[in-house]
Amino acid sequence: MEQRRTRRFTLQLPLSITRSGAERVAVAGFTKNISSSGVLFTAEREPDLGGPIEYVITLNLEGTQAVSLRCVGKVLRAERIPDNNHEIPGFQVAATLERYEFVRER
């Protein structure tokens, strides 16, 4: 039986990687699950394993004012998602959530 330190919540929210290692990037994806210590998400390209990552999760997308959660962490693993139905190939990425701040959209 799998035992985790923190509870995971299954949430599909828009996510964008803004920095991978020292490189500024713009890579889109969606969260699969989130906990207080990390996130599992899909991405269009593979980030550097073990490297630092900065990503933004968009909350309240359908509300009157979108709120984003800017997160900093480290890439723990990345696995290629099998190519199903000729969709854009992608990766499933697990990253830590070490620091975060709320950012209100203007």
C-alpha atoms as a PDB file:
ATOM      1  CA  MET A   1       0.000   0.000   0.000  1.00  0.00           C
ATOM      2  CA  GLU A   2       1.300   3.430  -0.978  1.00  0.00           C
ATOM      3  CA  GLN A   3       1.817   5.890   1.873  1.00  0.00           C
ATOM      4  CA  ARG A   4       2.275   9.586   1.222  1.00  0.00           C
ATOM      5  CA  ARG A   5       3.213  12.364   3.605  1.00  0.00           C
ATOM      6  CA  THR A   6       0.650  14.783   2.158  1.00  0.00           C
ATOM      7  CA  ARG A   7      -2.774  14.365   0.601  1.00  0.00           C
ATOM      8  CA  ARG A   8      -3.051  14.731  -3.186  1.00  0.00           C
ATOM      9  CA  PHE A   9      -5.970  16.441  -4.870  1.00  0.00           C
ATOM     10  CA  THR A  10      -6.967  15.512  -8.415  1.00  0.00           C
ATOM     11  CA  LEU A  11      -7.295  18.842 -10.243  1.00  0.00           C
ATOM     12  CA  GLN A  12      -7.010  19.664 -13.936  1.00  0.00           C
ATOM     13  CA  LEU A  13      -5.930  23.301 -14.099  1.00  0.00           C
ATOM     14  CA  PRO A  14      -4.026  25.230 -16.782  1.00  0.00           C
ATOM     15  CA  LEU A  15      -0.297  25.347 -16.094  1.00  0.00           C
ATOM     16  CA  SER A  16       2.587  27.020 -17.880  1.00  0.00           C
ATOM     17  CA  ILE A  17       6.276  26.493 -17.298  1.00  0.00           C
ATOM     18  CA  THR A  18       7.977  29.894 -17.307  1.00  0.00           C
ATOM     19  CA  ARG A  19      11.518  28.812 -16.435  1.00  0.00           C
ATOM     20  CA  SER A  20      13.311  25.484 -16.799  1.00  0.00           C
ATOM     21  CA  GLY A  21      16.806  25.550 -15.329  1.00  0.00           C
ATOM     22  CA  ALA A  22      18.306  28.929 -16.240  1.00  0.00           C
ATOM     23  CA  GLU A  23      16.280  29.186 -19.475  1.00  0.00           C
ATOM     24  CA  ARG A  24      13.078  31.249 -19.747  1.00  0.00           C
ATOM     25  CA  VAL A  25      10.471  29.215 -21.608  1.00  0.00           C
ATOM     26  CA  ALA A  26       6.757  29.227 -22.419  1.00  0.00           C
ATOM     27  CA  VAL A  27       5.516  25.640 -22.235  1.00  0.00           C
ATOM     28  CA  ALA A  28       1.820  24.895 -21.711  1.00  0.00           C
ATOM     29  CA  GLY A  29       0.267  22.005 -19.820  1.00  0.00           C
ATOM     30  CA  PHE A  30      -2.352  20.931 -17.284  1.00  0.00           C
ATOM     31  CA  THR A  31      -2.111  19.732 -13.699  1.00  0.00           C
ATOM     32  CA  LYS A  32      -3.163  16.164 -12.921  1.00  0.00           C
ATOM     33  CA  ASN A  33      -2.845  16.288  -9.153  1.00  0.00           C
ATOM     34  CA  ILE A  34      -1.528  18.689  -6.529  1.00  0.00           C
ATOM     35  CA  SER A  35      -0.350  18.368  -2.935  1.00  0.00           C
ATOM     36  CA  SER A  36       1.199  20.832  -0.509  1.00  0.00           C
ATOM     37  CA  SER A  37       4.655  19.568  -1.491  1.00  0.00           C
ATOM     38  CA  GLY A  38       4.388  18.990  -5.236  1.00  0.00           C
ATOM     39  CA  VAL A  39       2.470  18.713  -8.463  1.00  0.00           C
ATOM     40  CA  LEU A  40       2.041  16.184 -11.279  1.00  0.00           C
ATOM     41  CA  PHE A  41       1.325  17.787 -14.652  1.00  0.00           C
ATOM     42  CA  THR A  42       1.520  17.327 -18.400  1.00  0.00           C
ATOM     43  CA  ALA A  43       3.792  19.440 -20.589  1.00  0.00           C
ATOM     44  CA  GLU A  44       4.593  19.771 -24.281  1.00  0.00           C
ATOM     45  CA  ARG A  45       8.327  19.290 -23.752  1.00  0.00           C
ATOM     46  CA  GLU A  46      10.575  17.571 -21.253  1.00  0.00           C
ATOM     47  CA  PRO A  47      12.180  19.796 -18.576  1.00  0.00           C
ATOM     48  CA  ASP A  48      15.686  19.140 -17.215  1.00  0.00           C
ATOM     49  CA  LEU A  49      15.544  16.300 -14.692  1.00  0.00           C
ATOM     50  CA  GLY A  50      16.712  17.420 -11.233  1.00  0.00           C
ATOM     51  CA  GLY A  51      16.858  21.035 -12.314  1.00  0.00           C
ATOM     52  CA  PRO A  52      14.975  24.037 -10.963  1.00  0.00           C
ATOM     53  CA  ILE A  53      11.602  24.872 -12.479  1.00  0.00           C
ATOM     54  CA  GLU A  54       9.205  27.801 -12.247  1.00  0.00           C
ATOM     55  CA  TYR A  55       5.597  27.248 -13.214  1.00  0.00           C
ATOM     56  CA  VAL A  56       2.300  29.113 -12.994  1.00  0.00           C
ATOM     57  CA  ILE A  57      -1.000  27.411 -12.183  1.00  0.00           C
ATOM     58  CA  THR A  58      -4.129  29.376 -13.123  1.00  0.00           C
ATOM     59  CA  LEU A  59      -6.915  29.267 -10.528  1.00  0.00           C
ATOM     60  CA  ASN A  60     -10.435  30.676 -10.807  1.00  0.00           C
ATOM     61  CA  LEU A  61     -10.197  30.805 -14.602  1.00  0.00           C
ATOM     62  CA  GLU A  62     -13.970  31.127 -15.004  1.00  0.00           C
ATOM     63  CA  GLY A  63     -14.439  33.709 -12.244  1.00  0.00           C
ATOM     64  CA  THR A  64     -14.510  37.460 -12.590  1.00  0.00           C
ATOM     65  CA  GLN A  65     -10.783  37.754 -11.902  1.00  0.00           C
ATOM     66  CA  ALA A  66      -8.261  34.999 -12.644  1.00  0.00           C
ATOM     67  CA  VAL A  67      -5.733  34.277  -9.915  1.00  0.00           C
ATOM     68  CA  SER A  68      -2.435  32.575 -10.623  1.00  0.00           C
ATOM     69  CA  LEU A  69      -0.149  30.643  -8.333  1.00  0.00           C
ATOM     70  CA  ARG A  70       3.521  31.196  -9.285  1.00  0.00           C
ATOM     71  CA  CYS A  71       5.526  28.204  -8.021  1.00  0.00           C
ATOM     72  CA  VAL A  72       9.209  27.350  -7.762  1.00  0.00           C
ATOM     73  CA  GLY A  73      10.446  23.801  -7.337  1.00  0.00           C
ATOM     74  CA  LYS A  74      12.625  21.042  -8.704  1.00  0.00           C
ATOM     75  CA  VAL A  75      11.862  18.465 -11.419  1.00  0.00           C
ATOM     76  CA  LEU A  76      11.701  14.989  -9.855  1.00  0.00           C
ATOM     77  CA  ARG A  77      10.795  12.921 -12.917  1.00  0.00           C
ATOM     78  CA  ALA A  78       9.505  13.191 -16.460  1.00  0.00           C
ATOM     79  CA  GLU A  79       7.987  10.399 -18.540  1.00  0.00           C
ATOM     80  CA  ARG A  80       6.939  10.477 -22.183  1.00  0.00           C
ATOM     81  CA  ILE A  81       3.181  10.087 -22.618  1.00  0.00           C
ATOM     82  CA  PRO A  82       2.428   7.388 -25.201  1.00  0.00           C
ATOM     83  CA  ASP A  83       1.271   8.846 -28.533  1.00  0.00           C
ATOM     84  CA  ASN A  84      -2.470   8.146 -28.555  1.00  0.00           C
ATOM     85  CA  ASN A  85      -4.698   9.101 -31.496  1.00  0.00           C
ATOM     86  CA  HIS A  86      -1.935  11.207 -33.062  1.00  0.00           C
ATOM     87  CA  GLU A  87      -2.184  13.885 -30.372  1.00  0.00           C
ATOM     88  CA  ILE A  88       0.750  16.189 -29.723  1.00  0.00           C
ATOM     89  CA  PRO A  89       3.390  14.113 -27.918  1.00  0.00           C
ATOM     90  CA  GLY A  90       3.981  15.239 -24.383  1.00  0.00           C
ATOM     91  CA  PHE A  91       5.406  14.443 -20.998  1.00  0.00           C
ATOM     92  CA  GLN A  92       4.063  13.718 -17.553  1.00  0.00           C
ATOM     93  CA  VAL A  93       6.195  15.682 -15.077  1.00  0.00           C
ATOM     94  CA  ALA A  94       6.471  15.495 -11.280  1.00  0.00           C
ATOM     95  CA  ALA A  95       7.915  18.568  -9.566  1.00  0.00           C
ATOM     96  CA  THR A  96       8.266  19.785  -6.013  1.00  0.00           C
ATOM     97  CA  LEU A  97       6.474  22.877  -4.765  1.00  0.00           C
ATOM     98  CA  GLU A  98       9.061  24.634  -2.597  1.00  0.00           C
ATOM     99  CA  ARG A  99       7.873  28.270  -2.803  1.00  0.00           C
ATOM    100  CA  TYR A 100       4.765  29.924  -4.164  1.00  0.00           C
ATOM    101  CA  GLU A 101       3.025  33.289  -4.372  1.00  0.00           C
ATOM    102  CA  PHE A 102      -0.433  34.351  -5.497  1.00  0.00           C
ATOM    103  CA  VAL A 103      -0.512  36.713  -8.474  1.00  0.00           C
ATOM    104  CA  ARG A 104      -3.705  38.547  -9.433  1.00  0.00           C
ATOM    105  CA  GLU A 105      -4.228  39.179 -13.131  1.00  0.00           C
ATOM    106  CA  ARG A 106      -4.856  42.781 -14.153  1.00  0.00           C
END
